[in-house]
Amino acid sequence: MNFDPELDEEIFSTEKELGRTKLIVAVKKYNGGKAKIQISRQNQQNSVWKFSKLGRLTKTESEVLVEMLKEAQEHME
């Protein structure tokens, strides 16, 4: 079964910029399934935001991410 973006429902999303890095936390459902949290990172290169692996986090990034996750959990069933 291939991924169909039309079946992907976004319930909640928040993002925080930390210098040249942006963390994104979203709550999504696929094809009416269970709500799940998605965590993404984007890095700024030449004024353009580009996807990057989440990888390792600084202490500040981890503190911000914990707060974002708590907020996302409030939007889950």
C-alpha atoms as a PDB file:
ATOM      1  CA  MET A   1       0.000   0.000   0.000  1.00  0.00           C
ATOM      2  CA  ASN A   2       1.467   3.361  -1.060  1.00  0.00           C
ATOM      3  CA  PHE A   3       1.190   6.482   1.059  1.00  0.00           C
ATOM      4  CA  ASP A   4      -1.652   8.750  -0.115  1.00  0.00           C
ATOM      5  CA  PRO A   5      -1.252  12.345   1.156  1.00  0.00           C
ATOM      6  CA  GLU A   6      -4.991  12.936   0.720  1.00  0.00           C
ATOM      7  CA  LEU A   7      -5.660  10.398   3.492  1.00  0.00           C
ATOM      8  CA  ASP A   8      -3.283  12.151   5.909  1.00  0.00           C
ATOM      9  CA  GLU A   9      -5.251  14.413   8.281  1.00  0.00           C
ATOM     10  CA  GLU A  10      -3.405  17.032  10.353  1.00  0.00           C
ATOM     11  CA  ILE A  11      -5.123  17.636  13.696  1.00  0.00           C
ATOM     12  CA  PHE A  12      -2.548  19.963  15.259  1.00  0.00           C
ATOM     13  CA  SER A  13       0.809  21.480  14.375  1.00  0.00           C
ATOM     14  CA  THR A  14       3.259  23.809  16.080  1.00  0.00           C
ATOM     15  CA  GLU A  15       6.753  24.948  15.213  1.00  0.00           C
ATOM     16  CA  LYS A  16       9.549  26.793  16.986  1.00  0.00           C
ATOM     17  CA  GLU A  17      12.527  28.510  15.388  1.00  0.00           C
ATOM     18  CA  LEU A  18      15.816  28.205  17.243  1.00  0.00           C
ATOM     19  CA  GLY A  19      18.314  30.182  15.216  1.00  0.00           C
ATOM     20  CA  ARG A  20      18.852  28.411  11.907  1.00  0.00           C
ATOM     21  CA  THR A  21      16.888  25.338  13.049  1.00  0.00           C
ATOM     22  CA  LYS A  22      13.143  24.836  13.218  1.00  0.00           C
ATOM     23  CA  LEU A  23      11.446  22.043  15.189  1.00  0.00           C
ATOM     24  CA  ILE A  24       7.973  20.969  14.073  1.00  0.00           C
ATOM     25  CA  VAL A  25       5.591  18.791  16.099  1.00  0.00           C
ATOM     26  CA  ALA A  26       2.311  17.679  14.553  1.00  0.00           C
ATOM     27  CA  VAL A  27      -0.523  15.322  15.453  1.00  0.00           C
ATOM     28  CA  LYS A  28      -1.758  13.423  12.420  1.00  0.00           C
ATOM     29  CA  LYS A  29      -4.157  10.629  11.534  1.00  0.00           C
ATOM     30  CA  TYR A  30      -3.799   8.478   8.450  1.00  0.00           C
ATOM     31  CA  ASN A  31      -6.886   7.041   6.789  1.00  0.00           C
ATOM     32  CA  GLY A  32      -9.025   7.509   9.913  1.00  0.00           C
ATOM     33  CA  GLY A  33      -6.514   5.648  12.088  1.00  0.00           C
ATOM     34  CA  LYS A  34      -5.152   6.478  15.509  1.00  0.00           C
ATOM     35  CA  ALA A  35      -3.662   9.945  16.095  1.00  0.00           C
ATOM     36  CA  LYS A  36       0.149   9.932  16.188  1.00  0.00           C
ATOM     37  CA  ILE A  37       2.801  12.542  16.864  1.00  0.00           C
ATOM     38  CA  GLN A  38       5.233  13.450  14.100  1.00  0.00           C
ATOM     39  CA  ILE A  39       8.473  15.293  14.921  1.00  0.00           C
ATOM     40  CA  SER A  40      10.497  17.053  12.208  1.00  0.00           C
ATOM     41  CA  ARG A  41      13.503  19.334  11.948  1.00  0.00           C
ATOM     42  CA  GLN A  42      14.283  21.866   9.239  1.00  0.00           C
ATOM     43  CA  ASN A  43      17.558  23.752   8.832  1.00  0.00           C
ATOM     44  CA  GLN A  44      17.857  27.089   7.077  1.00  0.00           C
ATOM     45  CA  GLN A  45      20.218  27.125   4.090  1.00  0.00           C
ATOM     46  CA  ASN A  46      20.473  30.305   1.988  1.00  0.00           C
ATOM     47  CA  SER A  47      17.197  31.640   3.495  1.00  0.00           C
ATOM     48  CA  VAL A  48      15.350  28.420   2.515  1.00  0.00           C
ATOM     49  CA  TRP A  49      14.077  25.889   5.086  1.00  0.00           C
ATOM     50  CA  LYS A  50      15.110  22.317   4.191  1.00  0.00           C
ATOM     51  CA  PHE A  51      14.211  18.993   5.824  1.00  0.00           C
ATOM     52  CA  SER A  52      16.886  17.486   8.043  1.00  0.00           C
ATOM     53  CA  LYS A  53      17.087  14.375  10.195  1.00  0.00           C
ATOM     54  CA  LEU A  54      16.064  15.055  13.779  1.00  0.00           C
ATOM     55  CA  GLY A  55      19.233  13.382  15.065  1.00  0.00           C
ATOM     56  CA  ARG A  56      20.795  14.755  18.230  1.00  0.00           C
ATOM     57  CA  LEU A  57      19.331  17.654  20.184  1.00  0.00           C
ATOM     58  CA  THR A  58      20.955  20.413  22.182  1.00  0.00           C
ATOM     59  CA  LYS A  59      19.733  20.974  25.723  1.00  0.00           C
ATOM     60  CA  THR A  60      17.695  24.011  24.577  1.00  0.00           C
ATOM     61  CA  GLU A  61      16.167  22.049  21.685  1.00  0.00           C
ATOM     62  CA  SER A  62      15.227  19.194  24.013  1.00  0.00           C
ATOM     63  CA  GLU A  63      13.587  21.575  26.503  1.00  0.00           C
ATOM     64  CA  VAL A  64      11.549  23.225  23.728  1.00  0.00           C
ATOM     65  CA  LEU A  65      10.634  19.834  22.255  1.00  0.00           C
ATOM     66  CA  VAL A  66       9.323  18.545  25.603  1.00  0.00           C
ATOM     67  CA  GLU A  67       6.965  21.531  25.859  1.00  0.00           C
ATOM     68  CA  MET A  68       5.841  21.074  22.248  1.00  0.00           C
ATOM     69  CA  LEU A  69       5.137  17.377  22.887  1.00  0.00           C
ATOM     70  CA  LYS A  70       3.044  18.194  25.965  1.00  0.00           C
ATOM     71  CA  GLU A  71       0.986  20.629  23.883  1.00  0.00           C
ATOM     72  CA  ALA A  72       0.554  18.053  21.105  1.00  0.00           C
ATOM     73  CA  GLN A  73      -0.624  15.392  23.563  1.00  0.00           C
ATOM     74  CA  GLU A  74      -3.554  17.625  24.500  1.00  0.00           C
ATOM     75  CA  HIS A  75      -4.843  17.182  20.921  1.00  0.00           C
ATOM     76  CA  MET A  76      -4.734  13.377  20.987  1.00  0.00           C
ATOM     77  CA  GLU A  77      -7.612  11.089  21.863  1.00  0.00           C
END
